[in-house]
Amino acid sequence: MVAGCGKVGREAGEFLRLLHAEGVSWGTYQDAMCADGQWHCNAHSNNMVVLDPRCGEDRLLGYLDLDMAFDR
């Protein structure tokens, strides 16, 4: 189980590093859709899913809800 937890953390970090390398933000921000004092936050744990190993993927994590991600 420890190895699995380490792999989840590594994959999450790899994903964020790839987003940053492409200039994509998947984090917390404000825009015109927010009321005063409100923020969007897309980078929360329920936007990642554990993949079924029977799918044959080498990865443990899949990523969801990139609709509010944006680039420079």
N, C-alpha and C. Protein backbone atom coordinates (compact mmCIF):
# COMPACT_ATOMS: atom_id res chain seq x y z
N MET A 1 0.82 -1.20 0.00
CA MET A 1 0.00 0.00 0.00
C MET A 1 0.86 1.26 0.00
N VAL A 2 1.98 1.25 0.71
CA VAL A 2 2.83 2.43 0.75
C VAL A 2 3.33 2.77 -0.65
N ALA A 3 3.73 1.75 -1.41
CA ALA A 3 4.19 2.00 -2.77
C ALA A 3 3.09 2.64 -3.60
N GLY A 4 1.84 2.19 -3.44
CA GLY A 4 0.71 2.77 -4.16
C GLY A 4 0.50 4.22 -3.79
N CYS A 5 0.61 4.54 -2.51
CA CYS A 5 0.46 5.93 -2.07
C CYS A 5 1.56 6.79 -2.66
N GLY A 6 2.77 6.27 -2.68
CA GLY A 6 3.88 7.02 -3.27
C GLY A 6 3.65 7.26 -4.76
N LYS A 7 3.11 6.27 -5.45
CA LYS A 7 2.85 6.41 -6.89
C LYS A 7 1.76 7.45 -7.13
N VAL A 8 0.74 7.47 -6.29
CA VAL A 8 -0.32 8.48 -6.43
C VAL A 8 0.28 9.88 -6.28
N GLY A 9 1.09 10.09 -5.26
CA GLY A 9 1.72 11.39 -5.06
C GLY A 9 2.62 11.78 -6.21
N ARG A 10 3.39 10.82 -6.71
CA ARG A 10 4.30 11.09 -7.83
C ARG A 10 3.50 11.46 -9.09
N GLU A 11 2.44 10.72 -9.36
CA GLU A 11 1.63 11.02 -10.55
C GLU A 11 0.94 12.38 -10.43
N ALA A 12 0.46 12.71 -9.25
CA ALA A 12 -0.17 14.02 -9.06
C ALA A 12 0.85 15.13 -9.29
N GLY A 13 2.05 14.96 -8.77
CA GLY A 13 3.11 15.94 -8.99
C GLY A 13 3.52 16.06 -10.44
N GLU A 14 3.61 14.92 -11.13
CA GLU A 14 3.96 14.92 -12.56
C GLU A 14 2.91 15.68 -13.35
N PHE A 15 1.65 15.44 -13.03
CA PHE A 15 0.56 16.11 -13.73
C PHE A 15 0.65 17.63 -13.55
N LEU A 16 0.85 18.08 -12.33
CA LEU A 16 0.94 19.52 -12.07
C LEU A 16 2.16 20.12 -12.76
N ARG A 17 3.28 19.40 -12.74
CA ARG A 17 4.49 19.89 -13.41
C ARG A 17 4.24 20.05 -14.92
N LEU A 18 3.54 19.09 -15.53
CA LEU A 18 3.24 19.19 -16.96
C LEU A 18 2.32 20.37 -17.26
N LEU A 19 1.33 20.60 -16.40
CA LEU A 19 0.46 21.76 -16.59
C LEU A 19 1.26 23.05 -16.52
N HIS A 20 2.11 23.17 -15.51
CA HIS A 20 2.91 24.38 -15.36
C HIS A 20 3.87 24.57 -16.53
N ALA A 21 4.45 23.50 -17.03
CA ALA A 21 5.37 23.59 -18.17
C ALA A 21 4.66 24.12 -19.41
N GLU A 22 3.36 23.85 -19.52
CA GLU A 22 2.57 24.33 -20.67
C GLU A 22 1.91 25.68 -20.40
N GLY A 23 2.15 26.25 -19.21
CA GLY A 23 1.56 27.54 -18.87
C GLY A 23 0.08 27.47 -18.54
N VAL A 24 -0.39 26.30 -18.09
CA VAL A 24 -1.80 26.10 -17.77
C VAL A 24 -2.01 26.21 -16.27
N SER A 25 -3.03 26.95 -15.87
CA SER A 25 -3.40 27.07 -14.47
C SER A 25 -4.63 26.20 -14.20
N TRP A 26 -4.55 25.40 -13.16
CA TRP A 26 -5.67 24.54 -12.76
C TRP A 26 -5.94 24.79 -11.29
N GLY A 27 -5.64 25.97 -10.85
CA GLY A 27 -5.65 26.26 -9.43
C GLY A 27 -6.79 27.17 -9.01
N THR A 28 -6.48 28.08 -8.12
CA THR A 28 -7.44 28.98 -7.52
C THR A 28 -7.29 30.36 -8.13
N TYR A 29 -8.41 30.95 -8.51
CA TYR A 29 -8.37 32.27 -9.13
C TYR A 29 -9.73 32.95 -9.02
N GLN A 30 -9.76 34.23 -9.33
CA GLN A 30 -11.00 34.99 -9.40
C GLN A 30 -11.20 35.47 -10.83
N ASP A 31 -12.45 35.56 -11.24
CA ASP A 31 -12.78 36.15 -12.53
C ASP A 31 -14.15 36.82 -12.42
N ALA A 32 -14.69 37.25 -13.55
CA ALA A 32 -15.95 38.00 -13.55
C ALA A 32 -17.14 37.16 -13.08
N MET A 33 -17.03 35.83 -13.10
CA MET A 33 -18.13 34.98 -12.64
C MET A 33 -18.22 34.91 -11.11
N CYS A 34 -17.18 35.34 -10.42
CA CYS A 34 -17.14 35.27 -8.96
C CYS A 34 -17.82 36.50 -8.36
N ALA A 35 -18.61 36.29 -7.31
CA ALA A 35 -19.12 37.41 -6.53
C ALA A 35 -17.96 37.96 -5.70
N ASP A 36 -18.13 39.15 -5.16
CA ASP A 36 -17.07 39.75 -4.33
C ASP A 36 -16.62 38.78 -3.25
N GLY A 37 -15.33 38.58 -3.16
CA GLY A 37 -14.77 37.72 -2.12
C GLY A 37 -14.80 36.24 -2.44
N GLN A 38 -15.39 35.84 -3.57
CA GLN A 38 -15.42 34.42 -3.93
C GLN A 38 -14.25 34.08 -4.85
N TRP A 39 -13.88 32.80 -4.84
CA TRP A 39 -12.79 32.29 -5.66
C TRP A 39 -13.23 30.99 -6.31
N HIS A 40 -12.71 30.70 -7.49
CA HIS A 40 -12.83 29.37 -8.10
C HIS A 40 -11.66 28.53 -7.60
N CYS A 41 -11.89 27.26 -7.34
CA CYS A 41 -10.78 26.34 -7.06
C CYS A 41 -11.05 25.04 -7.78
N ASN A 42 -10.28 24.77 -8.80
CA ASN A 42 -10.45 23.56 -9.59
C ASN A 42 -9.50 22.46 -9.15
N ALA A 43 -8.48 22.79 -8.40
CA ALA A 43 -7.44 21.83 -8.06
C ALA A 43 -7.75 21.16 -6.72
N HIS A 44 -8.82 20.41 -6.67
CA HIS A 44 -9.14 19.68 -5.46
C HIS A 44 -9.18 18.18 -5.76
N SER A 45 -9.08 17.41 -4.73
CA SER A 45 -8.84 15.97 -4.90
C SER A 45 -9.96 15.24 -5.61
N ASN A 46 -11.18 15.73 -5.60
CA ASN A 46 -12.23 14.98 -6.31
C ASN A 46 -12.22 15.26 -7.81
N ASN A 47 -11.21 15.97 -8.29
CA ASN A 47 -11.00 16.11 -9.73
C ASN A 47 -9.98 15.10 -10.23
N MET A 48 -9.62 14.15 -9.39
CA MET A 48 -8.75 13.04 -9.77
C MET A 48 -9.45 11.75 -9.38
N VAL A 49 -9.29 10.73 -10.19
CA VAL A 49 -9.89 9.43 -9.91
C VAL A 49 -8.82 8.35 -9.97
N VAL A 50 -9.02 7.31 -9.20
CA VAL A 50 -8.14 6.14 -9.27
C VAL A 50 -8.66 5.25 -10.39
N LEU A 51 -7.78 4.94 -11.32
CA LEU A 51 -8.17 4.13 -12.48
C LEU A 51 -8.25 2.66 -12.11
N ASP A 52 -9.17 1.97 -12.74
CA ASP A 52 -9.32 0.53 -12.55
C ASP A 52 -8.13 -0.17 -13.20
N PRO A 53 -7.36 -0.95 -12.44
CA PRO A 53 -6.17 -1.60 -13.02
C PRO A 53 -6.52 -2.57 -14.15
N ARG A 54 -7.76 -3.01 -14.21
CA ARG A 54 -8.17 -3.92 -15.29
C ARG A 54 -8.22 -3.22 -16.65
N CYS A 55 -8.13 -1.89 -16.65
CA CYS A 55 -8.12 -1.14 -17.92
C CYS A 55 -6.80 -1.26 -18.64
N GLY A 56 -5.79 -1.78 -17.93
CA GLY A 56 -4.49 -2.01 -18.56
C GLY A 56 -3.59 -0.79 -18.59
N GLU A 57 -3.97 0.27 -17.92
CA GLU A 57 -3.12 1.47 -17.86
C GLU A 57 -2.02 1.27 -16.83
N ASP A 58 -0.87 1.89 -17.09
CA ASP A 58 0.23 1.85 -16.13
C ASP A 58 0.06 2.91 -15.05
N ARG A 59 -0.83 3.86 -15.26
CA ARG A 59 -1.03 4.95 -14.32
C ARG A 59 -2.13 4.60 -13.33
N LEU A 60 -2.04 5.19 -12.15
CA LEU A 60 -3.07 5.00 -11.13
C LEU A 60 -4.13 6.10 -11.16
N LEU A 61 -3.75 7.30 -11.61
CA LEU A 61 -4.67 8.44 -11.55
C LEU A 61 -5.14 8.88 -12.92
N GLY A 62 -6.41 9.26 -12.97
CA GLY A 62 -7.00 9.93 -14.12
C GLY A 62 -7.46 11.29 -13.64
N TYR A 63 -7.56 12.25 -14.54
CA TYR A 63 -7.86 13.63 -14.17
C TYR A 63 -9.15 14.08 -14.82
N LEU A 64 -9.95 14.80 -14.07
CA LEU A 64 -11.27 15.25 -14.50
C LEU A 64 -11.36 16.78 -14.41
N ASP A 65 -12.40 17.30 -14.97
CA ASP A 65 -12.83 18.67 -14.73
C ASP A 65 -11.75 19.70 -15.02
N LEU A 66 -11.26 19.69 -16.24
CA LEU A 66 -10.29 20.71 -16.65
C LEU A 66 -10.99 21.86 -17.37
N ASP A 67 -12.32 21.94 -17.25
CA ASP A 67 -13.07 22.96 -17.97
C ASP A 67 -12.74 24.38 -17.50
N MET A 68 -12.25 24.55 -16.29
CA MET A 68 -11.92 25.89 -15.81
C MET A 68 -10.42 26.14 -15.78
N ALA A 69 -9.66 25.25 -16.39
CA ALA A 69 -8.22 25.48 -16.52
C ALA A 69 -8.01 26.50 -17.64
N PHE A 70 -6.98 27.28 -17.55
CA PHE A 70 -6.72 28.28 -18.58
C PHE A 70 -5.22 28.49 -18.72
N ASP A 71 -4.85 29.08 -19.83
CA ASP A 71 -3.43 29.35 -20.06
C ASP A 71 -3.18 30.85 -20.03
N ARG A 72 -1.94 31.19 -20.27
CA ARG A 72 -1.54 32.60 -20.21
C ARG A 72 -2.34 33.39 -21.22
